mmCIF file of all heavy atoms, coordinates in Angstrom:
data_MODEL
# 
_entry.id   MODEL 
# 
loop_
_atom_site.group_PDB 
_atom_site.id 
_atom_site.type_symbol 
_atom_site.label_atom_id 
_atom_site.label_alt_id 
_atom_site.label_comp_id 
_atom_site.label_asym_id 
_atom_site.label_entity_id 
_atom_site.label_seq_id 
_atom_site.pdbx_PDB_ins_code 
_atom_site.Cartn_x 
_atom_site.Cartn_y 
_atom_site.Cartn_z 
_atom_site.occupancy 
_atom_site.B_iso_or_equiv 
_atom_site.pdbx_formal_charge 
_atom_site.auth_seq_id 
_atom_site.auth_comp_id 
_atom_site.auth_asym_id 
_atom_site.auth_atom_id 
_atom_site.pdbx_PDB_model_num 
ATOM 1   N N   . PHE A 1 1  ? -1.825 -7.850  -13.403 1.00 0.00 ? 1  PHE A N   1 
ATOM 2   C CA  . PHE A 1 1  ? -0.502 -7.954  -12.915 1.00 0.00 ? 1  PHE A CA  1 
ATOM 3   C C   . PHE A 1 1  ? -0.161 -6.836  -11.983 1.00 0.00 ? 1  PHE A C   1 
ATOM 4   O O   . PHE A 1 1  ? 0.285  -6.990  -10.852 1.00 0.00 ? 1  PHE A O   1 
ATOM 5   C CB  . PHE A 1 1  ? 0.482  -8.061  -14.045 1.00 0.00 ? 1  PHE A CB  1 
ATOM 6   C CG  . PHE A 1 1  ? 0.566  -9.322  -14.704 1.00 0.00 ? 1  PHE A CG  1 
ATOM 7   C CD1 . PHE A 1 1  ? -0.249 -10.406 -14.373 1.00 0.00 ? 1  PHE A CD1 1 
ATOM 8   C CD2 . PHE A 1 1  ? 1.425  -9.583  -15.719 1.00 0.00 ? 1  PHE A CD2 1 
ATOM 9   C CE1 . PHE A 1 1  ? -0.199 -11.649 -15.064 1.00 0.00 ? 1  PHE A CE1 1 
ATOM 10  C CE2 . PHE A 1 1  ? 1.512  -10.780 -16.323 1.00 0.00 ? 1  PHE A CE2 1 
ATOM 11  C CZ  . PHE A 1 1  ? 0.726  -11.844 -15.993 1.00 0.00 ? 1  PHE A CZ  1 
ATOM 12  N N   . ALA A 1 2  ? -0.470 -5.556  -12.420 1.00 0.00 ? 2  ALA A N   1 
ATOM 13  C CA  . ALA A 1 2  ? -0.063 -4.389  -11.677 1.00 0.00 ? 2  ALA A CA  1 
ATOM 14  C C   . ALA A 1 2  ? -0.706 -4.316  -10.214 1.00 0.00 ? 2  ALA A C   1 
ATOM 15  O O   . ALA A 1 2  ? 0.048  -4.140  -9.267  1.00 0.00 ? 2  ALA A O   1 
ATOM 16  C CB  . ALA A 1 2  ? -0.466 -3.104  -12.454 1.00 0.00 ? 2  ALA A CB  1 
ATOM 17  N N   . PRO A 1 3  ? -2.002 -4.517  -10.032 1.00 0.00 ? 3  PRO A N   1 
ATOM 18  C CA  . PRO A 1 3  ? -2.586 -4.498  -8.623  1.00 0.00 ? 3  PRO A CA  1 
ATOM 19  C C   . PRO A 1 3  ? -1.860 -5.594  -7.789  1.00 0.00 ? 3  PRO A C   1 
ATOM 20  O O   . PRO A 1 3  ? -1.611 -5.366  -6.634  1.00 0.00 ? 3  PRO A O   1 
ATOM 21  C CB  . PRO A 1 3  ? -4.093 -4.709  -8.829  1.00 0.00 ? 3  PRO A CB  1 
ATOM 22  C CG  . PRO A 1 3  ? -4.360 -4.302  -10.259 1.00 0.00 ? 3  PRO A CG  1 
ATOM 23  C CD  . PRO A 1 3  ? -2.999 -4.702  -11.063 1.00 0.00 ? 3  PRO A CD  1 
ATOM 24  N N   . ILE A 1 4  ? -1.744 -6.788  -8.446  1.00 0.00 ? 4  ILE A N   1 
ATOM 25  C CA  . ILE A 1 4  ? -1.162 -7.934  -7.602  1.00 0.00 ? 4  ILE A CA  1 
ATOM 26  C C   . ILE A 1 4  ? 0.282  -7.645  -7.154  1.00 0.00 ? 4  ILE A C   1 
ATOM 27  O O   . ILE A 1 4  ? 0.655  -7.830  -6.020  1.00 0.00 ? 4  ILE A O   1 
ATOM 28  C CB  . ILE A 1 4  ? -1.270 -9.277  -8.414  1.00 0.00 ? 4  ILE A CB  1 
ATOM 29  C CG1 . ILE A 1 4  ? -2.637 -9.649  -8.560  1.00 0.00 ? 4  ILE A CG1 1 
ATOM 30  C CG2 . ILE A 1 4  ? -0.466 -10.346 -7.617  1.00 0.00 ? 4  ILE A CG2 1 
ATOM 31  C CD1 . ILE A 1 4  ? -2.795 -10.849 -9.532  1.00 0.00 ? 4  ILE A CD1 1 
ATOM 32  N N   . MET A 1 5  ? 1.028  -7.159  -8.064  1.00 0.00 ? 5  MET A N   1 
ATOM 33  C CA  . MET A 1 5  ? 2.526  -6.799  -7.786  1.00 0.00 ? 5  MET A CA  1 
ATOM 34  C C   . MET A 1 5  ? 2.612  -5.612  -6.995  1.00 0.00 ? 5  MET A C   1 
ATOM 35  O O   . MET A 1 5  ? 3.553  -5.561  -6.057  1.00 0.00 ? 5  MET A O   1 
ATOM 36  C CB  . MET A 1 5  ? 3.304  -6.534  -9.101  1.00 0.00 ? 5  MET A CB  1 
ATOM 37  C CG  . MET A 1 5  ? 3.431  -8.006  -9.937  1.00 0.00 ? 5  MET A CG  1 
ATOM 38  S SD  . MET A 1 5  ? 4.190  -9.257  -9.021  1.00 0.00 ? 5  MET A SD  1 
ATOM 39  C CE  . MET A 1 5  ? 5.818  -8.802  -8.781  1.00 0.00 ? 5  MET A CE  1 
ATOM 40  N N   . CYS A 1 6  ? 1.827  -4.683  -6.963  1.00 0.00 ? 6  CYS A N   1 
ATOM 41  C CA  . CYS A 1 6  ? 1.743  -3.501  -6.173  1.00 0.00 ? 6  CYS A CA  1 
ATOM 42  C C   . CYS A 1 6  ? 1.456  -4.050  -4.717  1.00 0.00 ? 6  CYS A C   1 
ATOM 43  O O   . CYS A 1 6  ? 2.187  -3.602  -3.655  1.00 0.00 ? 6  CYS A O   1 
ATOM 44  C CB  . CYS A 1 6  ? 0.716  -2.427  -6.544  1.00 0.00 ? 6  CYS A CB  1 
ATOM 45  S SG  . CYS A 1 6  ? 1.239  -1.317  -7.932  1.00 0.00 ? 6  CYS A SG  1 
ATOM 46  N N   . PHE A 1 7  ? 0.556  -4.937  -4.625  1.00 0.00 ? 7  PHE A N   1 
ATOM 47  C CA  . PHE A 1 7  ? 0.240  -5.465  -3.224  1.00 0.00 ? 7  PHE A CA  1 
ATOM 48  C C   . PHE A 1 7  ? 1.402  -6.279  -2.760  1.00 0.00 ? 7  PHE A C   1 
ATOM 49  O O   . PHE A 1 7  ? 1.588  -6.303  -1.571  1.00 0.00 ? 7  PHE A O   1 
ATOM 50  C CB  . PHE A 1 7  ? -1.081 -6.335  -3.318  1.00 0.00 ? 7  PHE A CB  1 
ATOM 51  C CG  . PHE A 1 7  ? -1.615 -6.785  -2.015  1.00 0.00 ? 7  PHE A CG  1 
ATOM 52  C CD1 . PHE A 1 7  ? -1.945 -5.832  -1.080  1.00 0.00 ? 7  PHE A CD1 1 
ATOM 53  C CD2 . PHE A 1 7  ? -1.608 -8.159  -1.712  1.00 0.00 ? 7  PHE A CD2 1 
ATOM 54  C CE1 . PHE A 1 7  ? -2.422 -6.326  0.153   1.00 0.00 ? 7  PHE A CE1 1 
ATOM 55  C CE2 . PHE A 1 7  ? -2.112 -8.554  -0.448  1.00 0.00 ? 7  PHE A CE2 1 
ATOM 56  C CZ  . PHE A 1 7  ? -2.531 -7.634  0.468   1.00 0.00 ? 7  PHE A CZ  1 
ATOM 57  N N   . TRP A 1 8  ? 2.126  -7.049  -3.691  1.00 0.00 ? 8  TRP A N   1 
ATOM 58  C CA  . TRP A 1 8  ? 3.200  -7.865  -3.286  1.00 0.00 ? 8  TRP A CA  1 
ATOM 59  C C   . TRP A 1 8  ? 4.296  -6.996  -2.818  1.00 0.00 ? 8  TRP A C   1 
ATOM 60  O O   . TRP A 1 8  ? 4.839  -7.257  -1.590  1.00 0.00 ? 8  TRP A O   1 
ATOM 61  C CB  . TRP A 1 8  ? 3.644  -8.615  -4.613  1.00 0.00 ? 8  TRP A CB  1 
ATOM 62  C CG  . TRP A 1 8  ? 4.933  -9.200  -4.379  1.00 0.00 ? 8  TRP A CG  1 
ATOM 63  C CD1 . TRP A 1 8  ? 6.212  -8.822  -4.963  1.00 0.00 ? 8  TRP A CD1 1 
ATOM 64  C CD2 . TRP A 1 8  ? 5.361  -10.428 -3.684  1.00 0.00 ? 8  TRP A CD2 1 
ATOM 65  N NE1 . TRP A 1 8  ? 7.247  -9.639  -4.596  1.00 0.00 ? 8  TRP A NE1 1 
ATOM 66  C CE2 . TRP A 1 8  ? 6.701  -10.590 -3.735  1.00 0.00 ? 8  TRP A CE2 1 
ATOM 67  C CE3 . TRP A 1 8  ? 4.637  -11.298 -2.852  1.00 0.00 ? 8  TRP A CE3 1 
ATOM 68  C CZ2 . TRP A 1 8  ? 7.439  -11.661 -3.213  1.00 0.00 ? 8  TRP A CZ2 1 
ATOM 69  C CZ3 . TRP A 1 8  ? 5.275  -12.410 -2.296  1.00 0.00 ? 8  TRP A CZ3 1 
ATOM 70  C CH2 . TRP A 1 8  ? 6.544  -12.659 -2.498  1.00 0.00 ? 8  TRP A CH2 1 
ATOM 71  N N   . PHE A 1 9  ? 4.695  -5.886  -3.507  1.00 0.00 ? 9  PHE A N   1 
ATOM 72  C CA  . PHE A 1 9  ? 5.748  -5.035  -2.971  1.00 0.00 ? 9  PHE A CA  1 
ATOM 73  C C   . PHE A 1 9  ? 5.347  -4.266  -1.597  1.00 0.00 ? 9  PHE A C   1 
ATOM 74  O O   . PHE A 1 9  ? 6.237  -4.105  -0.791  1.00 0.00 ? 9  PHE A O   1 
ATOM 75  C CB  . PHE A 1 9  ? 6.197  -4.064  -4.096  1.00 0.00 ? 9  PHE A CB  1 
ATOM 76  C CG  . PHE A 1 9  ? 7.087  -4.676  -5.131  1.00 0.00 ? 9  PHE A CG  1 
ATOM 77  C CD1 . PHE A 1 9  ? 6.566  -4.749  -6.469  1.00 0.00 ? 9  PHE A CD1 1 
ATOM 78  C CD2 . PHE A 1 9  ? 8.284  -5.138  -4.906  1.00 0.00 ? 9  PHE A CD2 1 
ATOM 79  C CE1 . PHE A 1 9  ? 7.248  -5.387  -7.456  1.00 0.00 ? 9  PHE A CE1 1 
ATOM 80  C CE2 . PHE A 1 9  ? 9.066  -5.766  -5.889  1.00 0.00 ? 9  PHE A CE2 1 
ATOM 81  C CZ  . PHE A 1 9  ? 8.559  -5.895  -7.134  1.00 0.00 ? 9  PHE A CZ  1 
ATOM 82  N N   . ALA A 1 10 ? 4.136  -3.927  -1.552  1.00 0.00 ? 10 ALA A N   1 
ATOM 83  C CA  . ALA A 1 10 ? 3.635  -3.239  -0.359  1.00 0.00 ? 10 ALA A CA  1 
ATOM 84  C C   . ALA A 1 10 ? 3.724  -4.254  0.776   1.00 0.00 ? 10 ALA A C   1 
ATOM 85  O O   . ALA A 1 10 ? 4.250  -3.889  1.931   1.00 0.00 ? 10 ALA A O   1 
ATOM 86  C CB  . ALA A 1 10 ? 2.154  -2.779  -0.442  1.00 0.00 ? 10 ALA A CB  1 
ATOM 87  N N   . THR A 1 11 ? 3.340  -5.477  0.610   1.00 0.00 ? 11 THR A N   1 
ATOM 88  C CA  . THR A 1 11 ? 3.531  -6.514  1.579   1.00 0.00 ? 11 THR A CA  1 
ATOM 89  C C   . THR A 1 11 ? 4.959  -6.779  1.962   1.00 0.00 ? 11 THR A C   1 
ATOM 90  O O   . THR A 1 11 ? 5.259  -6.881  3.162   1.00 0.00 ? 11 THR A O   1 
ATOM 91  C CB  . THR A 1 11 ? 2.845  -7.870  1.080   1.00 0.00 ? 11 THR A CB  1 
ATOM 92  O OG1 . THR A 1 11 ? 1.554  -7.688  0.738   1.00 0.00 ? 11 THR A OG1 1 
ATOM 93  C CG2 . THR A 1 11 ? 2.955  -8.896  2.223   1.00 0.00 ? 11 THR A CG2 1 
ATOM 94  N N   . LEU A 1 12 ? 5.931  -6.848  0.978   1.00 0.00 ? 12 LEU A N   1 
ATOM 95  C CA  . LEU A 1 12 ? 7.286  -6.960  1.264   1.00 0.00 ? 12 LEU A CA  1 
ATOM 96  C C   . LEU A 1 12 ? 7.850  -5.857  2.238   1.00 0.00 ? 12 LEU A C   1 
ATOM 97  O O   . LEU A 1 12 ? 8.416  -6.157  3.152   1.00 0.00 ? 12 LEU A O   1 
ATOM 98  C CB  . LEU A 1 12 ? 8.052  -6.886  -0.039  1.00 0.00 ? 12 LEU A CB  1 
ATOM 99  C CG  . LEU A 1 12 ? 8.058  -8.063  -1.084  1.00 0.00 ? 12 LEU A CG  1 
ATOM 100 C CD1 . LEU A 1 12 ? 9.016  -7.743  -2.181  1.00 0.00 ? 12 LEU A CD1 1 
ATOM 101 C CD2 . LEU A 1 12 ? 8.323  -9.439  -0.392  1.00 0.00 ? 12 LEU A CD2 1 
ATOM 102 N N   . GLY A 1 13 ? 7.416  -4.612  1.884   1.00 0.00 ? 13 GLY A N   1 
ATOM 103 C CA  . GLY A 1 13 ? 7.837  -3.478  2.692   1.00 0.00 ? 13 GLY A CA  1 
ATOM 104 C C   . GLY A 1 13 ? 7.310  -3.516  4.093   1.00 0.00 ? 13 GLY A C   1 
ATOM 105 O O   . GLY A 1 13 ? 8.011  -3.217  5.035   1.00 0.00 ? 13 GLY A O   1 
ATOM 106 N N   . VAL A 1 14 ? 6.043  -3.818  4.309   1.00 0.00 ? 14 VAL A N   1 
ATOM 107 C CA  . VAL A 1 14 ? 5.387  -3.828  5.616   1.00 0.00 ? 14 VAL A CA  1 
ATOM 108 C C   . VAL A 1 14 ? 5.934  -4.945  6.445   1.00 0.00 ? 14 VAL A C   1 
ATOM 109 O O   . VAL A 1 14 ? 6.319  -4.731  7.618   1.00 0.00 ? 14 VAL A O   1 
ATOM 110 C CB  . VAL A 1 14 ? 3.807  -4.057  5.446   1.00 0.00 ? 14 VAL A CB  1 
ATOM 111 C CG1 . VAL A 1 14 ? 3.223  -4.323  6.819   1.00 0.00 ? 14 VAL A CG1 1 
ATOM 112 C CG2 . VAL A 1 14 ? 3.189  -2.869  4.827   1.00 0.00 ? 14 VAL A CG2 1 
ATOM 113 N N   . LEU A 1 15 ? 6.140  -6.281  5.895   1.00 0.00 ? 15 LEU A N   1 
ATOM 114 C CA  . LEU A 1 15 ? 6.666  -7.302  6.648   1.00 0.00 ? 15 LEU A CA  1 
ATOM 115 C C   . LEU A 1 15 ? 8.122  -6.881  7.114   1.00 0.00 ? 15 LEU A C   1 
ATOM 116 O O   . LEU A 1 15 ? 8.569  -7.163  8.245   1.00 0.00 ? 15 LEU A O   1 
ATOM 117 C CB  . LEU A 1 15 ? 6.710  -8.528  5.824   1.00 0.00 ? 15 LEU A CB  1 
ATOM 118 C CG  . LEU A 1 15 ? 5.379  -9.285  5.599   1.00 0.00 ? 15 LEU A CG  1 
ATOM 119 C CD1 . LEU A 1 15 ? 5.586  -10.530 4.620   1.00 0.00 ? 15 LEU A CD1 1 
ATOM 120 C CD2 . LEU A 1 15 ? 4.867  -9.744  6.970   1.00 0.00 ? 15 LEU A CD2 1 
ATOM 121 N N   . GLY A 1 16 ? 8.823  -6.252  6.199   1.00 0.00 ? 16 GLY A N   1 
ATOM 122 C CA  . GLY A 1 16 ? 10.244 -5.868  6.522   1.00 0.00 ? 16 GLY A CA  1 
ATOM 123 C C   . GLY A 1 16 ? 10.224 -4.807  7.646   1.00 0.00 ? 16 GLY A C   1 
ATOM 124 O O   . GLY A 1 16 ? 11.020 -4.917  8.584   1.00 0.00 ? 16 GLY A O   1 
ATOM 125 N N   . ALA A 1 17 ? 9.360  -3.830  7.500   1.00 0.00 ? 17 ALA A N   1 
ATOM 126 C CA  . ALA A 1 17 ? 9.388  -2.768  8.469   1.00 0.00 ? 17 ALA A CA  1 
ATOM 127 C C   . ALA A 1 17 ? 9.070  -3.187  9.849   1.00 0.00 ? 17 ALA A C   1 
ATOM 128 O O   . ALA A 1 17 ? 9.639  -2.759  10.774  1.00 0.00 ? 17 ALA A O   1 
ATOM 129 C CB  . ALA A 1 17 ? 8.416  -1.671  8.055   1.00 0.00 ? 17 ALA A CB  1 
ATOM 130 N N   . VAL A 1 18 ? 8.012  -4.066  9.894   1.00 0.00 ? 18 VAL A N   1 
ATOM 131 C CA  . VAL A 1 18 ? 7.578  -4.546  11.212  1.00 0.00 ? 18 VAL A CA  1 
ATOM 132 C C   . VAL A 1 18 ? 8.723  -5.351  11.956  1.00 0.00 ? 18 VAL A C   1 
ATOM 133 O O   . VAL A 1 18 ? 8.967  -5.152  13.144  1.00 0.00 ? 18 VAL A O   1 
ATOM 134 C CB  . VAL A 1 18 ? 6.464  -5.617  11.015  1.00 0.00 ? 18 VAL A CB  1 
ATOM 135 C CG1 . VAL A 1 18 ? 6.118  -6.438  12.251  1.00 0.00 ? 18 VAL A CG1 1 
ATOM 136 C CG2 . VAL A 1 18 ? 5.143  -4.898  10.583  1.00 0.00 ? 18 VAL A CG2 1 
ATOM 137 N N   . ASN A 1 19 ? 9.560  -6.059  11.166  1.00 0.00 ? 19 ASN A N   1 
ATOM 138 C CA  . ASN A 1 19 ? 10.755 -6.779  11.781  1.00 0.00 ? 19 ASN A CA  1 
ATOM 139 C C   . ASN A 1 19 ? 11.921 -5.917  12.034  1.00 0.00 ? 19 ASN A C   1 
ATOM 140 O O   . ASN A 1 19 ? 12.624 -6.049  13.060  1.00 0.00 ? 19 ASN A O   1 
ATOM 141 C CB  . ASN A 1 19 ? 11.181 -7.946  10.930  1.00 0.00 ? 19 ASN A CB  1 
ATOM 142 C CG  . ASN A 1 19 ? 10.251 -9.107  10.977  1.00 0.00 ? 19 ASN A CG  1 
ATOM 143 O OD1 . ASN A 1 19 ? 10.350 -9.978  11.658  1.00 0.00 ? 19 ASN A OD1 1 
ATOM 144 N ND2 . ASN A 1 19 ? 9.225  -9.162  10.121  1.00 0.00 ? 19 ASN A ND2 1 
ATOM 145 N N   . ILE A 1 20 ? 12.056 -4.808  11.179  1.00 0.00 ? 20 ILE A N   1 
ATOM 146 C CA  . ILE A 1 20 ? 13.200 -3.831  11.566  1.00 0.00 ? 20 ILE A CA  1 
ATOM 147 C C   . ILE A 1 20 ? 12.894 -3.066  12.789  1.00 0.00 ? 20 ILE A C   1 
ATOM 148 O O   . ILE A 1 20 ? 13.800 -2.791  13.505  1.00 0.00 ? 20 ILE A O   1 
ATOM 149 C CB  . ILE A 1 20 ? 13.214 -2.818  10.289  1.00 0.00 ? 20 ILE A CB  1 
ATOM 150 C CG1 . ILE A 1 20 ? 13.842 -3.576  9.094   1.00 0.00 ? 20 ILE A CG1 1 
ATOM 151 C CG2 . ILE A 1 20 ? 14.222 -1.672  10.671  1.00 0.00 ? 20 ILE A CG2 1 
ATOM 152 C CD1 . ILE A 1 20 ? 13.718 -2.819  7.746   1.00 0.00 ? 20 ILE A CD1 1 
ATOM 153 N N   . VAL A 1 21 ? 11.587 -2.813  13.082  1.00 0.00 ? 21 VAL A N   1 
ATOM 154 C CA  . VAL A 1 21 ? 11.296 -2.032  14.321  1.00 0.00 ? 21 VAL A CA  1 
ATOM 155 C C   . VAL A 1 21 ? 11.832 -2.820  15.559  1.00 0.00 ? 21 VAL A C   1 
ATOM 156 O O   . VAL A 1 21 ? 12.261 -2.195  16.513  1.00 0.00 ? 21 VAL A O   1 
ATOM 157 C CB  . VAL A 1 21 ? 9.771  -1.774  14.374  1.00 0.00 ? 21 VAL A CB  1 
ATOM 158 C CG1 . VAL A 1 21 ? 9.364  -1.352  15.793  1.00 0.00 ? 21 VAL A CG1 1 
ATOM 159 C CG2 . VAL A 1 21 ? 9.433  -0.789  13.263  1.00 0.00 ? 21 VAL A CG2 1 
ATOM 160 N N   . GLN A 1 22 ? 11.908 -4.057  15.452  1.00 0.00 ? 22 GLN A N   1 
ATOM 161 C CA  . GLN A 1 22 ? 12.251 -5.018  16.635  1.00 0.00 ? 22 GLN A CA  1 
ATOM 162 C C   . GLN A 1 22 ? 13.791 -5.039  16.727  1.00 0.00 ? 22 GLN A C   1 
ATOM 163 O O   . GLN A 1 22 ? 14.254 -5.102  17.828  1.00 0.00 ? 22 GLN A O   1 
ATOM 164 C CB  . GLN A 1 22 ? 11.697 -6.288  16.441  1.00 0.00 ? 22 GLN A CB  1 
ATOM 165 C CG  . GLN A 1 22 ? 10.138 -6.434  16.542  1.00 0.00 ? 22 GLN A CG  1 
ATOM 166 C CD  . GLN A 1 22 ? 9.696  -7.788  16.138  1.00 0.00 ? 22 GLN A CD  1 
ATOM 167 O OE1 . GLN A 1 22 ? 10.312 -8.737  16.427  1.00 0.00 ? 22 GLN A OE1 1 
ATOM 168 N NE2 . GLN A 1 22 ? 8.446  -7.897  15.644  1.00 0.00 ? 22 GLN A NE2 1 
ATOM 169 N N   . HIS A 1 23 ? 14.487 -4.815  15.666  1.00 0.00 ? 23 HIS A N   1 
ATOM 170 C CA  . HIS A 1 23 ? 15.954 -4.773  15.759  1.00 0.00 ? 23 HIS A CA  1 
ATOM 171 C C   . HIS A 1 23 ? 16.378 -3.631  14.733  1.00 0.00 ? 23 HIS A C   1 
ATOM 172 O O   . HIS A 1 23 ? 17.027 -3.971  13.749  1.00 0.00 ? 23 HIS A O   1 
ATOM 173 C CB  . HIS A 1 23 ? 16.500 -6.054  15.275  1.00 0.00 ? 23 HIS A CB  1 
ATOM 174 C CG  . HIS A 1 23 ? 16.216 -7.190  16.282  1.00 0.00 ? 23 HIS A CG  1 
ATOM 175 N ND1 . HIS A 1 23 ? 17.054 -7.351  17.424  1.00 0.00 ? 23 HIS A ND1 1 
ATOM 176 C CD2 . HIS A 1 23 ? 15.272 -8.119  16.341  1.00 0.00 ? 23 HIS A CD2 1 
ATOM 177 C CE1 . HIS A 1 23 ? 16.568 -8.458  18.055  1.00 0.00 ? 23 HIS A CE1 1 
ATOM 178 N NE2 . HIS A 1 23 ? 15.518 -8.845  17.380  1.00 0.00 ? 23 HIS A NE2 1 
ATOM 179 N N   . PRO A 1 24 ? 16.175 -2.441  15.229  1.00 0.00 ? 24 PRO A N   1 
ATOM 180 C CA  . PRO A 1 24 ? 16.582 -1.250  14.205  1.00 0.00 ? 24 PRO A CA  1 
ATOM 181 C C   . PRO A 1 24 ? 18.119 -1.184  13.939  1.00 0.00 ? 24 PRO A C   1 
ATOM 182 O O   . PRO A 1 24 ? 18.459 -0.540  12.957  1.00 0.00 ? 24 PRO A O   1 
ATOM 183 C CB  . PRO A 1 24 ? 16.141 0.014   14.873  1.00 0.00 ? 24 PRO A CB  1 
ATOM 184 C CG  . PRO A 1 24 ? 15.921 -0.409  16.363  1.00 0.00 ? 24 PRO A CG  1 
ATOM 185 C CD  . PRO A 1 24 ? 15.619 -1.928  16.384  1.00 0.00 ? 24 PRO A CD  1 
ATOM 186 N N   . ASP A 1 25 ? 18.909 -1.832  14.682  1.00 0.00 ? 25 ASP A N   1 
ATOM 187 C CA  . ASP A 1 25 ? 20.380 -1.762  14.460  1.00 0.00 ? 25 ASP A CA  1 
ATOM 188 C C   . ASP A 1 25 ? 20.777 -2.479  13.228  1.00 0.00 ? 25 ASP A C   1 
ATOM 189 O O   . ASP A 1 25 ? 21.875 -2.259  12.792  1.00 0.00 ? 25 ASP A O   1 
ATOM 190 C CB  . ASP A 1 25 ? 21.113 -2.497  15.671  1.00 0.00 ? 25 ASP A CB  1 
ATOM 191 C CG  . ASP A 1 25 ? 20.597 -3.774  16.072  1.00 0.00 ? 25 ASP A CG  1 
ATOM 192 O OD1 . ASP A 1 25 ? 19.325 -3.997  16.043  1.00 0.00 ? 25 ASP A OD1 1 
ATOM 193 O OD2 . ASP A 1 25 ? 21.336 -4.696  16.343  1.00 0.00 ? 25 ASP A OD2 1 
ATOM 194 N N   . VAL A 1 26 ? 19.801 -3.187  12.624  1.00 0.00 ? 26 VAL A N   1 
ATOM 195 C CA  . VAL A 1 26 ? 20.100 -3.934  11.315  1.00 0.00 ? 26 VAL A CA  1 
ATOM 196 C C   . VAL A 1 26 ? 20.380 -2.911  10.267  1.00 0.00 ? 26 VAL A C   1 
ATOM 197 O O   . VAL A 1 26 ? 21.091 -3.161  9.227   1.00 0.00 ? 26 VAL A O   1 
ATOM 198 C CB  . VAL A 1 26 ? 18.913 -4.895  10.974  1.00 0.00 ? 26 VAL A CB  1 
ATOM 199 C CG1 . VAL A 1 26 ? 17.821 -4.072  10.348  1.00 0.00 ? 26 VAL A CG1 1 
ATOM 200 C CG2 . VAL A 1 26 ? 19.346 -5.905  9.959   1.00 0.00 ? 26 VAL A CG2 1 
# 
Protein backbone atom coordinates (compact mmCIF):
# COMPACT_ATOMS: atom_id res chain seq x y z
CA PHE A 1 0.00 0.00 0.00
CA ALA A 2 2.62 2.56 1.05
CA PRO A 3 4.63 2.68 -2.25
CA ILE A 4 1.42 2.80 -4.33
CA MET A 5 -0.14 5.58 -2.23
CA CYS A 6 3.12 7.55 -2.14
CA PHE A 7 3.19 7.37 -5.94
CA TRP A 8 -0.50 8.34 -5.99
CA PHE A 9 0.00 11.47 -3.87
CA ALA A 10 3.15 12.39 -5.82
CA THR A 11 1.13 12.08 -9.04
CA LEU A 12 -1.65 14.25 -7.57
CA GLY A 13 0.90 16.93 -6.69
CA VAL A 14 2.72 16.84 -10.05
CA LEU A 15 -0.49 16.97 -12.13
CA GLY A 16 -1.73 19.85 -10.01
CA ALA A 17 1.53 21.79 -10.20
CA VAL A 18 1.73 21.44 -14.02
CA ASN A 19 -1.74 22.96 -14.39
CA ILE A 20 -1.15 25.66 -11.76
CA VAL A 21 1.89 26.91 -13.72
CA GLN A 22 -0.43 27.68 -16.64
CA HIS A 23 -2.82 29.72 -14.44
CA PRO A 24 -0.92 30.75 -11.27
CA ASP A 25 -3.65 33.27 -10.39
CA VAL A 26 -5.65 30.28 -9.08
